[in-house]
Amino acid sequence: MQISGLAGYRGIASYNRGRWLGGFMGRLRVVTTSCFTVELWAIHGGLTMVTNFNLKNFIIETDSQEALMLMSKGGLVDNYPDRDVIEECRHFLYELEISMMHTLREGNNCADL
């Protein structure tokens, strides 16, 4: 198998009692990127899936405290290289009444498999 060197992300969605709703995955079209950028795109992928299912009052869990802080701030992010994806995620969160919360990576059996 050839290794592309491109970064990818994936995630799942489940109801509050653990029943599986769906999953998503994607690949960034850049050769070099940061773990933080990949985390932002994973959050974006989850928000896109929630939008496609037309769900509201959903909770997105992330093990990235930096992403959580950035999404919850109302300030400008003009100096961030990932400004566009951050602003789009904020829009999804506001429009769909979605909350975000921090979870420990060790407590998330589906993270980074």
Protein backbone atom coordinates (compact mmCIF):
# COMPACT_ATOMS: atom_id res chain seq x y z
CA MET A 1 0.00 0.00 0.00
CA GLN A 2 1.35 3.40 -0.97
CA ILE A 3 1.39 6.08 1.74
CA SER A 4 0.12 9.42 0.47
CA GLY A 5 1.45 11.64 3.26
CA LEU A 6 -1.90 13.44 3.40
CA ALA A 7 -3.68 14.00 6.72
CA GLY A 8 -7.08 12.47 7.33
CA TYR A 9 -9.80 12.57 9.95
CA ARG A 10 -12.85 10.56 10.93
CA GLY A 11 -15.55 10.48 13.54
CA ILE A 12 -18.80 8.90 14.58
CA ALA A 13 -22.14 10.10 15.86
CA SER A 14 -24.34 8.27 18.31
CA TYR A 15 -27.46 8.98 20.30
CA ASN A 16 -27.11 9.68 24.02
CA ARG A 17 -27.56 6.01 24.88
CA GLY A 18 -24.80 4.94 22.52
CA ARG A 19 -26.90 3.80 19.57
CA TRP A 20 -24.89 4.42 16.40
CA LEU A 21 -26.18 7.15 14.08
CA GLY A 22 -23.46 7.39 11.44
CA GLY A 23 -19.86 8.10 10.67
CA PHE A 24 -17.76 10.37 8.52
CA MET A 25 -14.22 10.68 7.22
CA GLY A 26 -12.21 13.02 5.08
CA ARG A 27 -8.75 13.86 3.86
CA LEU A 28 -7.04 17.23 3.81
CA ARG A 29 -5.54 18.08 0.46
CA VAL A 30 -2.26 19.36 1.89
CA VAL A 31 0.94 17.45 2.48
CA THR A 32 1.92 19.16 5.73
CA THR A 33 -0.46 20.38 8.40
CA SER A 34 -0.83 20.53 12.16
CA CYS A 35 -2.74 18.17 14.44
CA PHE A 36 -4.86 21.17 15.40
CA THR A 37 -5.94 21.76 11.79
CA VAL A 38 -6.92 18.09 11.46
CA GLU A 39 -8.93 18.34 14.70
CA LEU A 40 -10.77 21.41 13.37
CA TRP A 41 -11.67 19.57 10.17
CA ALA A 42 -12.87 16.56 12.19
CA ILE A 43 -15.19 18.88 14.14
CA HIS A 44 -16.32 20.40 10.85
CA GLY A 45 -17.03 16.90 9.49
CA GLY A 46 -19.16 16.10 12.52
CA LEU A 47 -21.06 19.36 12.21
CA THR A 48 -21.64 18.73 8.51
CA MET A 49 -23.04 15.28 9.27
CA VAL A 50 -25.34 16.70 11.96
CA THR A 51 -26.50 19.32 9.43
CA ASN A 52 -27.17 16.67 6.78
CA PHE A 53 -29.31 14.71 9.26
CA ASN A 54 -31.03 17.98 10.28
CA LEU A 55 -30.37 17.31 13.97
CA LYS A 56 -30.55 19.90 16.75
CA ASN A 57 -29.46 19.97 20.39
CA PHE A 58 -26.49 17.77 19.62
CA ILE A 59 -23.24 17.64 21.63
CA ILE A 60 -19.86 17.47 19.88
CA GLU A 61 -17.10 15.97 22.03
CA THR A 62 -13.45 16.75 21.39
CA ASP A 63 -10.21 15.99 23.16
CA SER A 64 -8.73 19.27 21.88
CA GLN A 65 -9.06 21.97 24.52
CA GLU A 66 -7.59 24.49 22.09
CA ALA A 67 -10.32 23.79 19.51
CA LEU A 68 -12.99 23.93 22.21
CA MET A 69 -11.77 27.31 23.46
CA LEU A 70 -11.52 28.73 19.96
CA MET A 71 -15.03 27.58 18.99
CA SER A 72 -16.58 29.00 22.15
CA LYS A 73 -14.94 32.42 21.83
CA GLY A 74 -16.94 35.03 20.04
CA GLY A 75 -13.92 37.05 19.00
CA LEU A 76 -12.31 37.45 15.63
CA VAL A 77 -9.84 34.88 14.36
CA ASP A 78 -8.30 36.95 11.57
CA ASN A 79 -4.75 35.91 12.40
CA TYR A 80 -5.46 32.14 12.38
CA PRO A 81 -4.53 30.22 9.24
CA ASP A 82 -7.66 28.06 9.79
CA ARG A 83 -9.97 31.08 10.06
CA ASP A 84 -12.46 29.91 7.42
CA VAL A 85 -13.12 26.49 8.96
CA ILE A 86 -13.35 28.03 12.46
CA GLU A 87 -15.93 30.60 11.32
CA GLU A 88 -17.97 27.94 9.50
CA CYS A 89 -17.95 25.69 12.58
CA ARG A 90 -19.09 28.60 14.75
CA HIS A 91 -21.94 29.23 12.32
CA PHE A 92 -23.03 25.57 12.50
CA LEU A 93 -22.85 25.60 16.31
CA TYR A 94 -25.00 28.72 16.56
CA GLU A 95 -27.58 27.89 13.88
CA LEU A 96 -28.15 24.29 14.96
CA GLU A 97 -27.99 24.87 18.73
CA ILE A 98 -25.09 22.44 19.06
CA SER A 99 -22.90 22.34 22.16
CA MET A 100 -19.29 21.28 22.46
CA MET A 101 -17.61 19.67 25.44
CA HIS A 102 -14.17 18.39 26.31
CA THR A 103 -13.55 14.69 26.74
CA LEU A 104 -10.33 12.99 27.70
CA ARG A 105 -8.71 11.09 24.88
CA GLU A 106 -8.35 8.06 27.17
CA GLY A 107 -12.09 8.09 27.84
CA ASN A 108 -13.03 8.13 24.17
CA ASN A 109 -12.82 4.58 22.85
CA CYS A 110 -13.31 5.74 19.25
CA ALA A 111 -10.65 8.48 19.13
CA ASP A 112 -7.47 8.07 17.14
CA LEU A 113 -7.86 4.36 16.41
